[in-house]
Amino acid sequence: QVQLVESGGELVQPGGSLRLSCAASGRIFSIPLMGWYRQAPGKQRELVATITSGGSTNYVDYVKGRFTISRDNAKNTVYLQMNSLKPEDTAVYYCNALILYGSKAENYWGPGTQVTVSS
């Protein structure tokens, strides 16, 4: 009923930039919170950044100043601009959204998009 689809992941050299996108579709009334998480090989999934429908943002310390999260509420889309990428940023990046429909609130995940930072 609700789908999240990420795009934009690819191989990039250290110091490079990428922009990830995630579009939500389906039965949606509103999306109070959207975010990006990542999971590197052998590690647990971890928070990268979140953004509310009002535009308030939150970042994990190790991406502050390098990554920027934004969203287009009209398109139910969230973005992650990643600059000054490092090899340790290599991971599968997952989109997350808290979606309201009627009286229901559910948490949804996208399938993930691979980001590889390597020379």
C-alpha atoms as a PDB file:
ATOM      1  CA  GLN A   1       0.000   0.000   0.000  1.00  0.00           C
ATOM      2  CA  VAL A   2       2.914   2.306   0.657  1.00  0.00           C
ATOM      3  CA  GLN A   3       6.211   2.104  -1.173  1.00  0.00           C
ATOM      4  CA  LEU A   4       9.498   3.884  -0.644  1.00  0.00           C
ATOM      5  CA  VAL A   5      11.932   3.824  -3.528  1.00  0.00           C
ATOM      6  CA  GLU A   6      15.485   5.101  -3.195  1.00  0.00           C
ATOM      7  CA  SER A   7      17.782   6.136  -6.021  1.00  0.00           C
ATOM      8  CA  GLY A   8      21.143   7.795  -6.546  1.00  0.00           C
ATOM      9  CA  GLY A   9      23.578   5.347  -5.018  1.00  0.00           C
ATOM     10  CA  GLU A  10      26.699   4.523  -7.000  1.00  0.00           C
ATOM     11  CA  LEU A  11      30.473   4.245  -6.918  1.00  0.00           C
ATOM     12  CA  VAL A  12      32.204   7.553  -6.208  1.00  0.00           C
ATOM     13  CA  GLN A  13      35.769   8.568  -5.440  1.00  0.00           C
ATOM     14  CA  PRO A  14      36.799   9.897  -2.019  1.00  0.00           C
ATOM     15  CA  GLY A  15      36.021  13.585  -1.781  1.00  0.00           C
ATOM     16  CA  GLY A  16      33.189  13.265  -4.272  1.00  0.00           C
ATOM     17  CA  SER A  17      29.489  13.988  -3.939  1.00  0.00           C
ATOM     18  CA  LEU A  18      26.239  12.104  -4.395  1.00  0.00           C
ATOM     19  CA  ARG A  19      22.579  12.981  -4.035  1.00  0.00           C
ATOM     20  CA  LEU A  20      20.191  10.290  -2.865  1.00  0.00           C
ATOM     21  CA  SER A  21      16.455  10.523  -3.411  1.00  0.00           C
ATOM     22  CA  CYS A  22      13.569   8.616  -1.879  1.00  0.00           C
ATOM     23  CA  ALA A  23       9.979   8.897  -3.063  1.00  0.00           C
ATOM     24  CA  ALA A  24       7.008   7.628  -1.085  1.00  0.00           C
ATOM     25  CA  SER A  25       3.851   6.551  -2.904  1.00  0.00           C
ATOM     26  CA  GLY A  26       0.557   4.908  -2.061  1.00  0.00           C
ATOM     27  CA  ARG A  27      -2.025   5.567   0.632  1.00  0.00           C
ATOM     28  CA  ILE A  28      -0.549   8.586   2.385  1.00  0.00           C
ATOM     29  CA  PHE A  29      -2.218  11.337   4.377  1.00  0.00           C
ATOM     30  CA  SER A  30       0.924  12.894   5.739  1.00  0.00           C
ATOM     31  CA  ILE A  31       4.517  12.055   6.541  1.00  0.00           C
ATOM     32  CA  PRO A  32       5.553  13.693   9.806  1.00  0.00           C
ATOM     33  CA  LEU A  33       9.085  12.321   9.716  1.00  0.00           C
ATOM     34  CA  MET A  34      11.461  11.073   7.031  1.00  0.00           C
ATOM     35  CA  GLY A  35      15.045   9.993   7.368  1.00  0.00           C
ATOM     36  CA  TRP A  36      18.092   8.200   6.086  1.00  0.00           C
ATOM     37  CA  TYR A  37      19.874   5.296   7.733  1.00  0.00           C
ATOM     38  CA  ARG A  38      22.845   3.278   6.561  1.00  0.00           C
ATOM     39  CA  GLN A  39      24.291  -0.166   7.102  1.00  0.00           C
ATOM     40  CA  ALA A  40      27.891  -1.047   6.355  1.00  0.00           C
ATOM     41  CA  PRO A  41      29.004  -4.662   5.920  1.00  0.00           C
ATOM     42  CA  GLY A  42      29.192  -6.431   9.257  1.00  0.00           C
ATOM     43  CA  LYS A  43      27.653  -3.504  11.136  1.00  0.00           C
ATOM     44  CA  GLN A  44      24.246  -2.586  12.451  1.00  0.00           C
ATOM     45  CA  ARG A  45      21.971  -0.148  10.677  1.00  0.00           C
ATOM     46  CA  GLU A  46      22.554   3.370  12.002  1.00  0.00           C
ATOM     47  CA  LEU A  47      20.857   6.729  11.773  1.00  0.00           C
ATOM     48  CA  VAL A  48      22.286   9.304   9.380  1.00  0.00           C
ATOM     49  CA  ALA A  49      19.754  12.149   9.389  1.00  0.00           C
ATOM     50  CA  THR A  50      16.069  12.931   9.852  1.00  0.00           C
ATOM     51  CA  ILE A  51      13.754  15.741   8.815  1.00  0.00           C
ATOM     52  CA  THR A  52      10.249  16.646   9.955  1.00  0.00           C
ATOM     53  CA  SER A  53       7.466  17.866   7.701  1.00  0.00           C
ATOM     54  CA  GLY A  54       8.175  21.342   9.052  1.00  0.00           C
ATOM     55  CA  GLY A  55      11.814  21.149   7.998  1.00  0.00           C
ATOM     56  CA  SER A  56      13.524  20.534  11.333  1.00  0.00           C
ATOM     57  CA  THR A  57      16.616  18.421  10.819  1.00  0.00           C
ATOM     58  CA  ASN A  58      18.801  16.162  12.908  1.00  0.00           C
ATOM     59  CA  TYR A  59      22.189  14.707  11.964  1.00  0.00           C
ATOM     60  CA  VAL A  60      24.537  12.170  13.435  1.00  0.00           C
ATOM     61  CA  ASP A  61      27.817  13.852  14.401  1.00  0.00           C
ATOM     62  CA  TYR A  62      30.031  12.195  11.812  1.00  0.00           C
ATOM     63  CA  VAL A  63      28.064  13.608   8.856  1.00  0.00           C
ATOM     64  CA  LYS A  64      27.465  17.125  10.164  1.00  0.00           C
ATOM     65  CA  GLY A  65      28.846  19.681   7.752  1.00  0.00           C
ATOM     66  CA  ARG A  66      29.110  17.123   4.944  1.00  0.00           C
ATOM     67  CA  PHE A  67      25.570  15.796   4.444  1.00  0.00           C
ATOM     68  CA  THR A  68      22.357  17.772   4.016  1.00  0.00           C
ATOM     69  CA  ILE A  69      18.866  16.286   4.288  1.00  0.00           C
ATOM     70  CA  SER A  70      15.923  18.011   2.620  1.00  0.00           C
ATOM     71  CA  ARG A  71      12.418  17.139   1.480  1.00  0.00           C
ATOM     72  CA  ASP A  72       9.710  18.135  -0.949  1.00  0.00           C
ATOM     73  CA  ASN A  73       6.414  17.644   0.861  1.00  0.00           C
ATOM     74  CA  ALA A  74       4.372  18.058  -2.317  1.00  0.00           C
ATOM     75  CA  LYS A  75       6.248  15.134  -3.877  1.00  0.00           C
ATOM     76  CA  ASN A  76       6.558  13.033  -0.686  1.00  0.00           C
ATOM     77  CA  THR A  77      10.261  12.901  -1.422  1.00  0.00           C
ATOM     78  CA  VAL A  78      13.318  13.167   0.789  1.00  0.00           C
ATOM     79  CA  TYR A  79      16.855  13.859  -0.388  1.00  0.00           C
ATOM     80  CA  LEU A  80      20.316  13.377   1.045  1.00  0.00           C
ATOM     81  CA  GLN A  81      23.087  15.506  -0.425  1.00  0.00           C
ATOM     82  CA  MET A  82      26.405  13.932   0.481  1.00  0.00           C
ATOM     83  CA  ASN A  83      29.614  15.907  -0.002  1.00  0.00           C
ATOM     84  CA  SER A  84      33.253  15.213   0.887  1.00  0.00           C
ATOM     85  CA  LEU A  85      32.539  11.500   0.877  1.00  0.00           C
ATOM     86  CA  LYS A  86      34.913   9.183   2.691  1.00  0.00           C
ATOM     87  CA  PRO A  87      35.539   5.442   2.291  1.00  0.00           C
ATOM     88  CA  GLU A  88      33.888   4.910   5.676  1.00  0.00           C
ATOM     89  CA  ASP A  89      30.644   6.299   4.212  1.00  0.00           C
ATOM     90  CA  THR A  90      30.401   3.123   2.118  1.00  0.00           C
ATOM     91  CA  ALA A  91      27.138   1.404   3.021  1.00  0.00           C
ATOM     92  CA  VAL A  92      23.658   0.572   1.882  1.00  0.00           C
ATOM     93  CA  TYR A  93      21.560   3.668   2.514  1.00  0.00           C
ATOM     94  CA  TYR A  94      17.939   3.165   3.529  1.00  0.00           C
ATOM     95  CA  CYS A  95      15.081   5.627   3.440  1.00  0.00           C
ATOM     96  CA  ASN A  96      12.660   5.624   6.368  1.00  0.00           C
ATOM     97  CA  ALA A  97       9.294   7.327   6.708  1.00  0.00           C
ATOM     98  CA  LEU A  98       6.657   7.589   9.407  1.00  0.00           C
ATOM     99  CA  ILE A  99       3.431   7.702   7.411  1.00  0.00           C
ATOM    100  CA  LEU A 100      -0.041   8.648   8.593  1.00  0.00           C
ATOM    101  CA  TYR A 101      -3.192   7.370   6.904  1.00  0.00           C
ATOM    102  CA  GLY A 102      -6.452   7.975   8.708  1.00  0.00           C
ATOM    103  CA  SER A 103      -5.906   6.934  12.311  1.00  0.00           C
ATOM    104  CA  LYS A 104      -2.931   4.733  11.464  1.00  0.00           C
ATOM    105  CA  ALA A 105       0.749   5.584  11.791  1.00  0.00           C
ATOM    106  CA  GLU A 106       3.231   3.149  10.366  1.00  0.00           C
ATOM    107  CA  ASN A 107       6.959   3.077   9.824  1.00  0.00           C
ATOM    108  CA  TYR A 108       8.166   2.154   6.354  1.00  0.00           C
ATOM    109  CA  TRP A 109      11.565   1.309   4.874  1.00  0.00           C
ATOM    110  CA  GLY A 110      12.865   1.424   1.344  1.00  0.00           C
ATOM    111  CA  PRO A 111      14.875  -1.476  -0.128  1.00  0.00           C
ATOM    112  CA  GLY A 112      18.133   0.479   0.057  1.00  0.00           C
ATOM    113  CA  THR A 113      20.638   1.921  -2.390  1.00  0.00           C
ATOM    114  CA  GLN A 114      24.345   1.068  -2.407  1.00  0.00           C
ATOM    115  CA  VAL A 115      26.886   3.846  -1.944  1.00  0.00           C
ATOM    116  CA  THR A 116      30.504   2.871  -2.465  1.00  0.00           C
ATOM    117  CA  VAL A 117      33.313   5.367  -1.858  1.00  0.00           C
ATOM    118  CA  SER A 118      36.547   4.078  -3.309  1.00  0.00           C
ATOM    119  CA  SER A 119      39.401   5.120  -5.555  1.00  0.00           C
END
